[in-house]
Protein backbone atom coordinates (compact mmCIF):
# COMPACT_ATOMS: atom_id res chain seq x y z
CA MET A 1 57.24 288.19 115.96
CA LEU A 2 59.73 285.84 114.40
CA PRO A 3 57.84 282.65 115.27
CA ALA A 4 54.66 284.27 113.97
CA LEU A 5 56.38 285.22 110.73
CA LYS A 6 57.70 281.69 110.38
CA ARG A 7 54.20 280.31 110.87
CA LEU A 8 52.84 282.67 108.21
CA ALA A 9 55.62 281.71 105.81
CA LEU A 10 54.92 278.03 106.40
CA LEU A 11 51.20 278.57 105.89
CA PHE A 12 51.88 280.43 102.65
CA ALA A 13 54.16 277.64 101.41
CA VAL A 14 51.59 274.97 102.21
CA SER A 15 48.80 276.97 100.55
CA THR A 16 50.91 277.56 97.45
CA THR A 17 51.79 273.88 97.24
CA ALA A 18 48.12 272.96 97.59
CA LEU A 19 47.17 275.29 94.77
CA THR A 20 49.89 273.84 92.57
CA THR A 21 49.41 270.16 93.32
CA SER A 22 45.76 269.83 94.35
CA PRO A 23 44.55 268.71 90.88
CA LEU A 24 46.67 265.58 91.28
CA HIS A 25 44.61 264.69 94.35
CA ALA A 26 41.27 265.90 93.01
CA GLN A 27 40.38 262.39 91.84
CA ASP A 28 40.33 260.70 95.24
CA TRP A 29 36.82 259.53 94.42
CA ALA A 30 38.18 257.65 91.37
CA LYS A 31 40.97 256.11 93.43
CA ALA A 32 38.46 255.00 96.07
CA ASN A 33 36.28 253.35 93.43
CA LEU A 34 39.30 251.63 91.93
CA GLU A 35 40.38 250.20 95.26
CA LYS A 36 37.00 248.48 95.58
CA SER A 37 37.44 246.61 92.30
CA PRO A 38 37.62 242.80 92.51
CA ARG A 39 39.39 242.54 89.14
CA HIS A 40 43.01 241.56 88.63
CA ARG A 41 45.13 244.61 87.84
CA GLU A 42 48.83 244.75 87.13
CA TRP A 43 51.58 246.99 85.78
CA VAL A 44 53.43 245.67 82.75
CA PRO A 45 56.64 247.24 81.41
CA ILE A 46 56.32 247.03 77.63
CA LYS A 47 59.71 247.42 75.94
CA HIS A 48 60.42 248.56 72.42
CA GLY A 49 63.78 249.82 71.26
CA ASP A 50 65.34 251.70 74.16
CA ARG A 51 61.98 252.66 75.67
CA ILE A 52 59.85 251.06 78.34
CA VAL A 53 56.16 252.00 78.45
CA ASN A 54 54.66 251.21 81.83
CA SER A 55 51.13 250.03 81.17
CA TYR A 56 48.20 249.37 83.46
CA VAL A 57 46.42 246.12 82.55
CA VAL A 58 43.03 245.06 83.88
CA TYR A 59 41.45 241.66 83.31
CA PRO A 60 37.71 240.88 83.29
CA GLU A 61 36.27 238.11 85.42
CA ILE A 62 34.98 235.88 82.62
CA LYS A 63 35.47 232.27 81.45
CA SER A 64 36.34 232.85 77.80
CA LYS A 65 39.08 234.76 76.02
CA ALA A 66 38.33 238.44 75.47
CA PRO A 67 39.11 241.28 73.06
CA VAL A 68 41.69 243.83 74.17
CA VAL A 69 40.90 247.54 74.42
CA ILE A 70 43.80 250.00 74.43
CA LEU A 71 42.86 253.06 76.50
CA ILE A 72 44.67 256.33 75.71
CA HIS A 73 44.62 258.78 78.59
CA GLU A 74 43.66 262.45 78.67
CA ILE A 75 46.13 265.31 78.48
CA PHE A 76 46.23 264.91 82.27
CA GLY A 77 48.24 261.70 81.98
CA LEU A 78 47.45 258.27 83.34
CA SER A 79 45.43 259.60 86.26
CA ASP A 80 43.38 257.73 88.85
CA TRP A 81 40.32 258.38 86.71
CA ALA A 82 41.97 256.92 83.58
CA ARG A 83 42.80 253.75 85.50
CA GLU A 84 39.29 253.63 86.94
CA MET A 85 37.89 253.97 83.41
CA ALA A 86 40.06 251.03 82.36
CA ASP A 87 38.64 249.00 85.23
CA GLU A 88 35.06 249.87 84.30
CA ILE A 89 35.56 248.74 80.71
CA ALA A 90 37.16 245.54 82.00
CA ALA A 91 34.08 244.98 84.15
CA ALA A 92 32.08 244.85 80.91
CA GLY A 93 34.13 241.86 79.74
CA TYR A 94 37.30 243.19 78.08
CA ILE A 95 41.02 243.14 78.77
CA VAL A 96 42.09 246.77 78.98
CA ILE A 97 45.62 248.14 78.59
CA ALA A 98 46.17 251.76 79.57
CA PRO A 99 49.75 252.83 78.75
CA ASP A 100 51.35 255.69 80.61
CA LEU A 101 52.61 257.62 77.60
CA LEU A 102 54.62 259.82 79.95
CA SER A 103 56.78 256.84 80.94
CA GLY A 104 60.34 258.07 81.29
CA SER A 105 59.40 261.72 80.73
CA GLY A 106 58.89 262.69 84.35
CA PRO A 107 61.36 263.84 86.97
CA ASN A 108 64.05 261.20 87.62
CA GLY A 109 62.77 259.20 84.67
CA GLY A 110 59.32 258.66 86.13
CA GLY A 111 55.90 258.78 84.53
CA THR A 112 52.63 260.58 85.27
CA ASP A 113 52.92 260.17 89.04
CA ALA A 114 56.33 261.85 89.08
CA PHE A 115 55.10 265.26 87.96
CA PRO A 116 54.63 267.85 90.73
CA SER A 117 51.45 269.43 89.35
CA MET A 118 48.69 268.99 86.82
CA GLU A 119 50.05 271.97 84.91
CA ALA A 120 53.43 270.24 84.58
CA THR A 121 51.73 267.02 83.52
CA THR A 122 49.68 268.78 80.87
CA LYS A 123 52.72 270.58 79.51
CA ALA A 124 54.63 267.30 79.28
CA VAL A 125 51.83 265.46 77.46
CA SER A 126 51.50 268.34 75.00
CA ALA A 127 55.22 268.12 74.29
CA LEU A 128 55.30 264.39 73.54
CA ASN A 129 56.77 263.47 70.15
CA PRO A 130 53.90 262.19 67.96
CA ASP A 131 56.13 259.52 66.42
CA THR A 132 57.10 258.27 69.86
CA VAL A 133 53.46 258.11 70.89
CA THR A 134 52.62 256.05 67.80
CA ALA A 135 55.57 253.73 68.44
CA ASP A 136 54.48 253.30 72.07
CA LEU A 137 50.93 252.46 71.01
CA ASP A 138 52.23 250.03 68.41
CA ALA A 139 54.25 248.24 71.06
CA VAL A 140 51.21 248.08 73.34
CA ALA A 141 49.05 246.71 70.51
CA ASP A 142 51.67 244.10 69.66
CA TYR A 143 51.85 243.08 73.31
CA ALA A 144 48.05 242.84 73.46
CA LYS A 145 48.10 240.16 70.79
CA THR A 146 50.43 238.00 72.88
CA ILE A 147 48.21 237.90 75.99
CA PRO A 148 47.09 234.27 76.45
CA ALA A 149 43.63 235.36 77.63
CA ALA A 150 43.08 237.59 74.57
CA ASN A 151 41.06 236.42 71.56
CA GLY A 152 42.95 238.42 68.93
CA LYS A 153 40.43 241.25 68.61
CA LEU A 154 41.79 244.73 69.24
CA ALA A 155 40.11 248.11 69.75
CA VAL A 156 41.26 251.53 70.87
CA THR A 157 39.53 254.22 72.90
CA GLY A 158 40.81 257.63 73.92
CA TYR A 159 39.66 260.66 75.88
CA CYS A 160 40.44 264.36 75.32
CA TRP A 161 44.04 264.41 74.01
CA GLY A 162 43.79 260.63 73.88
CA GLY A 163 40.60 260.89 71.84
CA GLY A 164 42.54 262.62 69.08
CA LYS A 165 45.31 260.02 69.36
CA SER A 166 42.81 257.15 69.08
CA PHE A 167 41.43 258.63 65.84
CA LEU A 168 44.97 259.14 64.54
CA PHE A 169 46.07 255.63 65.56
CA ALA A 170 43.28 254.21 63.42
CA THR A 171 44.94 255.78 60.36
CA HIS A 172 48.08 253.81 61.14
CA ARG A 173 47.06 250.51 62.73
CA HIS A 174 45.12 248.28 60.37
CA ASP A 175 44.27 245.38 62.69
CA LEU A 176 41.85 247.40 64.81
CA SER A 177 38.26 246.22 65.02
CA ALA A 178 37.01 249.65 66.13
CA ALA A 179 38.11 253.04 67.44
CA PHE A 180 36.11 254.98 70.03
CA VAL A 181 36.92 258.69 70.01
CA PHE A 182 35.81 260.73 73.02
CA TYR A 183 35.85 264.50 72.33
CA GLY A 184 39.15 264.45 70.46
CA PRO A 185 40.14 266.25 67.24
CA PRO A 186 40.27 264.37 63.92
CA PRO A 187 43.46 263.39 62.10
CA PRO A 188 44.60 265.20 58.93
CA GLU A 189 42.13 264.65 56.10
CA ALA A 190 44.85 263.13 53.90
CA GLU A 191 45.35 260.35 56.47
CA MET A 192 41.71 259.30 56.66
CA LYS A 193 41.95 257.18 53.52
CA ASN A 194 44.18 254.80 55.50
CA ILE A 195 41.53 253.99 58.10
CA THR A 196 40.21 250.43 58.01
CA ALA A 197 38.20 250.27 61.26
CA PRO A 198 34.85 251.91 62.00
CA ILE A 199 35.19 255.11 64.03
CA TYR A 200 32.63 255.97 66.70
CA GLY A 201 32.64 259.51 68.06
CA PHE A 202 31.39 260.84 71.39
CA TYR A 203 31.18 264.64 71.58
CA ALA A 204 29.96 267.34 73.96
CA GLY A 205 27.36 269.91 72.97
CA ASN A 206 29.10 272.65 74.98
CA ASP A 207 32.51 272.13 73.39
CA ALA A 208 32.67 274.42 70.36
CA ARG A 209 36.44 274.13 70.13
CA ILE A 210 36.25 270.43 69.26
CA GLY A 211 32.74 270.64 67.81
CA ALA A 212 33.97 273.06 65.15
CA THR A 213 36.19 270.30 63.74
CA LEU A 214 33.35 267.78 63.47
CA PRO A 215 31.57 268.90 60.26
CA GLY A 216 34.84 268.78 58.34
CA ALA A 217 35.65 265.35 59.78
CA ILE A 218 32.23 264.04 58.81
CA GLU A 219 32.62 265.27 55.25
CA ALA A 220 36.20 264.02 54.91
CA MET A 221 35.34 260.55 56.24
CA LYS A 222 32.35 260.40 53.91
CA THR A 223 34.52 261.34 50.95
CA ALA A 224 37.05 258.67 51.95
CA GLY A 225 34.26 256.08 52.17
CA LYS A 226 34.93 255.35 55.83
CA LYS A 227 32.49 254.53 58.60
CA PHE A 228 32.19 257.37 61.09
CA GLU A 229 29.32 257.58 63.55
CA PRO A 230 29.50 260.64 65.82
CA ILE A 231 27.01 261.44 68.56
CA THR A 232 26.84 264.73 70.43
CA TYR A 233 25.48 264.92 73.99
CA GLU A 234 23.66 268.21 74.40
CA GLY A 235 24.47 270.29 77.47
CA ALA A 236 27.56 268.28 78.31
CA GLY A 237 31.00 269.84 78.47
CA HIS A 238 34.40 268.67 77.28
CA GLY A 239 35.62 265.81 79.48
CA PHE A 240 32.13 264.61 80.41
CA MET A 241 33.22 260.99 80.91
CA ARG A 242 35.35 262.11 83.84
CA ALA A 243 33.22 265.04 84.98
CA GLY A 244 30.08 262.91 84.87
CA GLU A 245 31.53 260.69 87.60
CA ASP A 246 33.01 263.45 89.71
CA PRO A 247 30.78 264.01 92.77
CA ASN A 248 31.87 267.66 92.78
CA ASP A 249 30.66 268.35 89.24
CA LYS A 250 27.53 270.52 89.13
CA ASN A 251 26.37 269.91 85.55
CA PRO A 252 23.72 267.15 85.40
CA ALA A 253 24.17 266.94 81.63
CA ASN A 254 27.67 265.61 82.20
CA LYS A 255 26.39 262.68 84.25
CA LYS A 256 23.67 261.95 81.69
CA ALA A 257 26.22 262.07 78.85
CA ARG A 258 28.62 259.90 80.81
CA ASP A 259 25.98 257.23 81.48
CA GLU A 260 24.70 257.26 77.90
CA GLY A 261 28.21 257.36 76.49
CA PHE A 262 29.36 254.38 78.54
CA ALA A 263 26.25 252.41 77.59
CA ARG A 264 26.90 253.15 73.92
CA LEU A 265 30.56 252.18 74.26
CA THR A 266 29.82 248.81 75.81
CA THR A 267 27.06 248.11 73.27
CA LEU A 268 29.40 248.86 70.38
CA LEU A 269 32.15 246.74 71.93
CA LYS A 270 29.75 243.80 71.98
CA GLN A 271 28.90 244.40 68.33
CA MET A 272 32.45 244.82 67.05
CA ASN A 273 32.95 241.09 66.60
CA THR A 274 30.00 240.92 64.21
CA PRO A 275 31.16 241.10 60.55
CA THR A 276 29.63 243.96 58.57
CA LYS A 277 28.51 243.66 54.99
CA GLY A 278 28.98 246.12 52.19
CA LYS A 279 31.12 249.20 51.87
CA SER A 280 31.88 251.30 54.90
CA SER A 281 30.03 254.58 55.04
CA THR A 282 29.75 257.65 57.20
CA SER A 283 26.70 257.84 59.42
CA LEU A 284 25.62 261.08 61.05
CA ALA A 285 23.59 260.53 64.20
CA PRO A 286 20.34 262.53 64.37
CA ASN A 287 21.29 264.46 67.50
CA SER A 288 24.50 265.71 65.91
CA SER A 289 22.94 266.87 62.65
CA HIS A 290 23.03 270.48 63.76
CA LEU A 291 26.80 270.36 63.63
CA ALA A 292 26.72 269.75 59.90
CA LYS A 293 25.39 273.28 59.53
CA ALA A 294 28.33 274.80 61.35
CA GLN A 295 31.02 276.54 59.45
CA LYS A 296 33.95 274.29 58.58
CA LYS A 297 37.09 275.17 60.43
CA ALA A 298 40.31 275.39 58.44
CA ALA A 299 42.55 272.36 58.92
CA GLU A 300 44.96 273.04 61.77
CA PRO A 301 46.33 271.15 64.78
CA VAL A 302 43.86 271.16 67.66
CA LEU A 303 45.17 270.49 71.15
CA CYS A 304 42.86 269.01 73.71
CA HIS A 305 43.37 271.95 76.02
CA ASP A 306 45.08 275.24 75.43
CA ALA A 307 47.21 276.95 78.04
CA SER A 308 44.32 278.99 79.42
CA MET A 309 42.34 275.86 80.26
CA VAL A 310 45.04 273.84 81.99
CA MET A 311 44.16 274.62 85.57
CA THR A 312 40.37 274.75 85.17
CA ALA A 313 39.64 271.73 83.02
CA SER A 314 40.07 269.26 85.87
CA LEU A 315 37.77 271.08 88.23
């Protein structure tokens, strides 16, 4: 009986560990795609003050100098998918820097890879000091401008938690050529007057939690005289850029939104070097006009995922 009990205990331990850690390995498809990439990729430790932000840098295979895109990861940290997304943007002709904003926050001073579970990673990202995040992004942006292969143009894109941070970073960093916000909450209305770059939004139709913040953001950006162009992809869920690539995802609207969203992103990146004339304005895309009729939500912090969604959002 004892050996049998030991085997059962071991099986239980393995099963429990799998349930706790499996989300970390749920992106094997993204890792496999990344390993096929022909592009040069490297890790760069970017230092500022007493902090080091380990950042994943991908270079395009082109002849000329290129703009730099800062990629801000989801609440799930700098995952395999986030690095694969960086590689895909680089394939379109851009230098991409994806900082691990959990650098130094993990067990034994590690980053995203050091956390034992997705739940622990999510909790750590949610607890990051906003001022530290801004300082990290500033250091990354400053580093971007020193890259010999860069042409001086700088953009930011973010997803989920990172989507909100990309919108917020645009209120602070005034040398951005554009900000691309994927299903992230807007910054405080009082900060929008400080935005100097055009903001392009990518939202999911089946994401009322973030969608409820959009009408207020549209109105506030319009009042501030800033350019804001949001598009909503009907039928898609929150996180569609990742889910739309996941072979295990069962929602075809996610794949459609992912393909259309990526095409729009690369088109806008090509256009961002073209000077615009006249005063910036807010543009509401036709397929997101229904959101303008929604009731405005009172201004309050909106996290990318609440505690009840932590373990299901990556499925």
